[in-house]
């Protein structure tokens, strides 16, 4: 059975992308906000909810950057839709994961980062993120709908 997730690429007016630092398996990973799709939700609804929970921002989903699938014996069948979001309100603040107890939270930091700042990070997920996202955002900015199918490495 497939398990679904979403991540949301949220640029600001300065051309930076909102990144979240999470702590997993004894290391910090930087990624865009997101999480699992809950029962009864579609990808867009999950993206809006996850962005609010993790960052305090209200967003509109305006496009899809990637659809990544993984089939592995260890993790099963999983997919993640990487959506593009535009800020429509809220106040940026580090949120929390409502499914985790207070002492088990993985969110550590949230902030907008430039291409250069993201390029200097040691652990970014997925690995190809900084290499591909800027071209996708440029296409979206020019009014083109962009959709890319990716399979997890």
Protein backbone atom coordinates (compact mmCIF):
# COMPACT_ATOMS: atom_id res chain seq x y z
CA UNK A 1 0.00 0.00 0.00
CA UNK A 2 1.26 3.46 -0.89
CA UNK A 3 1.97 6.02 1.82
CA UNK A 4 1.80 9.64 0.66
CA UNK A 5 3.56 12.79 1.71
CA UNK A 6 4.02 16.39 0.62
CA UNK A 7 6.71 19.05 0.79
CA UNK A 8 6.15 22.72 -0.04
CA UNK A 9 8.61 25.02 -1.79
CA UNK A 10 7.77 28.52 -0.53
CA UNK A 11 9.76 31.39 -2.04
CA UNK A 12 9.69 34.93 -0.63
CA UNK A 13 9.80 38.28 -2.44
CA UNK A 14 13.62 38.30 -2.14
CA UNK A 15 13.96 35.06 -4.10
CA UNK A 16 14.84 32.94 -1.08
CA UNK A 17 13.24 29.59 -0.19
CA UNK A 18 11.79 28.67 3.18
CA UNK A 19 13.81 25.82 4.71
CA UNK A 20 13.24 23.81 7.87
CA UNK A 21 15.99 22.14 9.88
CA UNK A 22 14.90 18.81 11.35
CA UNK A 23 16.81 16.37 13.53
CA UNK A 24 16.70 12.72 12.40
CA UNK A 25 18.96 9.76 13.16
CA UNK A 26 21.51 11.86 15.09
CA UNK A 27 21.95 14.53 12.39
CA UNK A 28 20.32 17.73 11.23
CA UNK A 29 18.71 17.77 7.78
CA UNK A 30 17.50 20.83 5.90
CA UNK A 31 14.39 20.47 3.76
CA UNK A 32 11.30 22.37 2.79
CA UNK A 33 8.25 22.10 5.10
CA UNK A 34 6.01 19.07 4.76
CA UNK A 35 4.86 15.75 6.05
CA UNK A 36 2.32 12.99 5.62
CA UNK A 37 -1.02 13.16 3.87
CA UNK A 38 -3.71 12.37 6.43
CA UNK A 39 -6.82 10.27 5.84
CA UNK A 40 -9.40 12.26 3.87
CA UNK A 41 -6.87 14.84 2.63
CA UNK A 42 -5.53 15.43 -0.84
CA UNK A 43 -1.97 16.64 -1.52
CA UNK A 44 -2.96 20.31 -1.70
CA UNK A 45 -4.83 20.23 1.60
CA UNK A 46 -1.92 18.42 3.26
CA UNK A 47 0.59 20.95 1.89
CA UNK A 48 -1.43 23.90 3.24
CA UNK A 49 -1.82 22.22 6.66
CA UNK A 50 1.83 21.16 6.94
CA UNK A 51 3.09 24.63 5.98
CA UNK A 52 0.92 26.18 8.71
CA UNK A 53 1.93 23.61 11.35
CA UNK A 54 5.67 23.90 10.72
CA UNK A 55 6.07 27.58 9.80
CA UNK A 56 3.01 29.57 10.91
CA UNK A 57 2.41 30.71 7.31
CA UNK A 58 -0.80 30.49 5.32
CA UNK A 59 -0.17 29.52 1.71
CA UNK A 60 -1.86 28.86 -1.60
CA UNK A 61 -0.53 25.94 -3.64
CA UNK A 62 0.18 27.13 -7.17
CA UNK A 63 2.04 24.25 -8.78
CA UNK A 64 3.84 20.94 -8.54
CA UNK A 65 7.62 20.71 -8.89
CA UNK A 66 8.22 16.97 -8.44
CA UNK A 67 6.51 13.68 -7.71
CA UNK A 68 8.99 11.28 -6.13
CA UNK A 69 8.29 7.58 -5.63
CA UNK A 70 10.19 5.03 -3.59
CA UNK A 71 9.66 1.28 -3.45
CA UNK A 72 11.97 -0.49 -1.02
CA UNK A 73 11.85 -3.56 1.21
CA UNK A 74 12.79 -1.47 4.25
CA UNK A 75 10.38 1.48 3.80
CA UNK A 76 7.66 0.05 1.56
CA UNK A 77 5.90 2.06 -1.13
CA UNK A 78 6.03 5.82 -0.59
CA UNK A 79 5.51 8.93 -2.65
CA UNK A 80 6.06 12.63 -1.99
CA UNK A 81 4.57 15.48 -4.00
CA UNK A 82 6.72 18.61 -3.95
CA UNK A 83 4.32 21.54 -4.29
CA UNK A 84 5.03 25.22 -4.95
CA UNK A 85 3.34 27.59 -2.51
CA UNK A 86 2.80 31.33 -2.31
CA UNK A 87 2.46 33.09 1.04
CA UNK A 88 -0.94 34.68 1.63
CA UNK A 89 -0.70 35.41 5.37
CA UNK A 90 0.45 34.29 8.79
CA UNK A 91 3.62 35.02 10.72
CA UNK A 92 6.83 33.05 10.24
CA UNK A 93 7.64 31.02 13.36
CA UNK A 94 9.01 27.57 14.12
CA UNK A 95 6.06 25.25 14.56
CA UNK A 96 5.72 21.74 15.86
CA UNK A 97 4.57 18.31 14.79
CA UNK A 98 1.21 17.61 16.49
CA UNK A 99 1.75 13.86 16.19
CA UNK A 100 4.89 14.01 18.37
CA UNK A 101 5.20 14.59 22.11
CA UNK A 102 6.90 17.81 23.26
CA UNK A 103 10.14 15.97 24.12
CA UNK A 104 10.20 14.14 20.74
CA UNK A 105 9.93 17.13 18.39
CA UNK A 106 12.25 17.08 15.37
CA UNK A 107 11.81 20.66 14.11
CA UNK A 108 14.78 22.85 15.08
CA UNK A 109 14.79 25.97 12.90
CA UNK A 110 12.87 27.64 10.08
CA UNK A 111 14.16 30.44 7.86
CA UNK A 112 14.38 31.73 4.33
CA UNK A 113 17.64 30.92 2.56
CA UNK A 114 19.31 31.95 -0.69
CA UNK A 115 20.67 29.55 -3.29
CA UNK A 116 24.17 30.23 -1.98
CA UNK A 117 23.20 29.54 1.64
CA UNK A 118 21.45 26.28 0.70
CA UNK A 119 24.51 25.29 -1.35
CA UNK A 120 26.72 25.56 1.76
CA UNK A 121 24.55 23.25 3.90
CA UNK A 122 25.99 19.84 4.71
CA UNK A 123 22.73 17.87 4.67
CA UNK A 124 19.91 18.90 2.30
CA UNK A 125 17.04 16.60 1.36
CA UNK A 126 16.63 15.61 -1.38
CA UNK A 127 20.23 15.79 -2.58
CA UNK A 128 19.27 17.28 -5.97
CA UNK A 129 17.16 20.06 -4.41
CA UNK A 130 19.46 23.06 -4.85
CA UNK A 131 20.57 21.94 -8.32
CA UNK A 132 17.04 21.85 -9.75
CA UNK A 133 14.65 24.06 -7.79
CA UNK A 134 15.79 27.45 -9.08
CA UNK A 135 15.04 26.60 -12.72
CA UNK A 136 11.64 25.27 -11.72
CA UNK A 137 10.81 28.47 -9.84
CA UNK A 138 11.92 30.55 -12.82
CA UNK A 139 9.58 28.56 -15.08
CA UNK A 140 6.72 29.00 -12.58
CA UNK A 141 7.46 32.73 -12.32
CA UNK A 142 7.20 33.03 -16.11
CA UNK A 143 3.68 31.58 -16.03
CA UNK A 144 4.52 28.06 -17.12
CA UNK A 145 3.08 25.06 -15.32
CA UNK A 146 5.95 22.82 -14.32
CA UNK A 147 5.62 19.18 -13.39
CA UNK A 148 8.51 16.79 -13.06
CA UNK A 149 8.42 13.08 -12.29
CA UNK A 150 11.31 11.87 -10.12
CA UNK A 151 12.11 8.51 -8.61
CA UNK A 152 13.94 8.41 -5.29
CA UNK A 153 17.65 7.68 -5.56
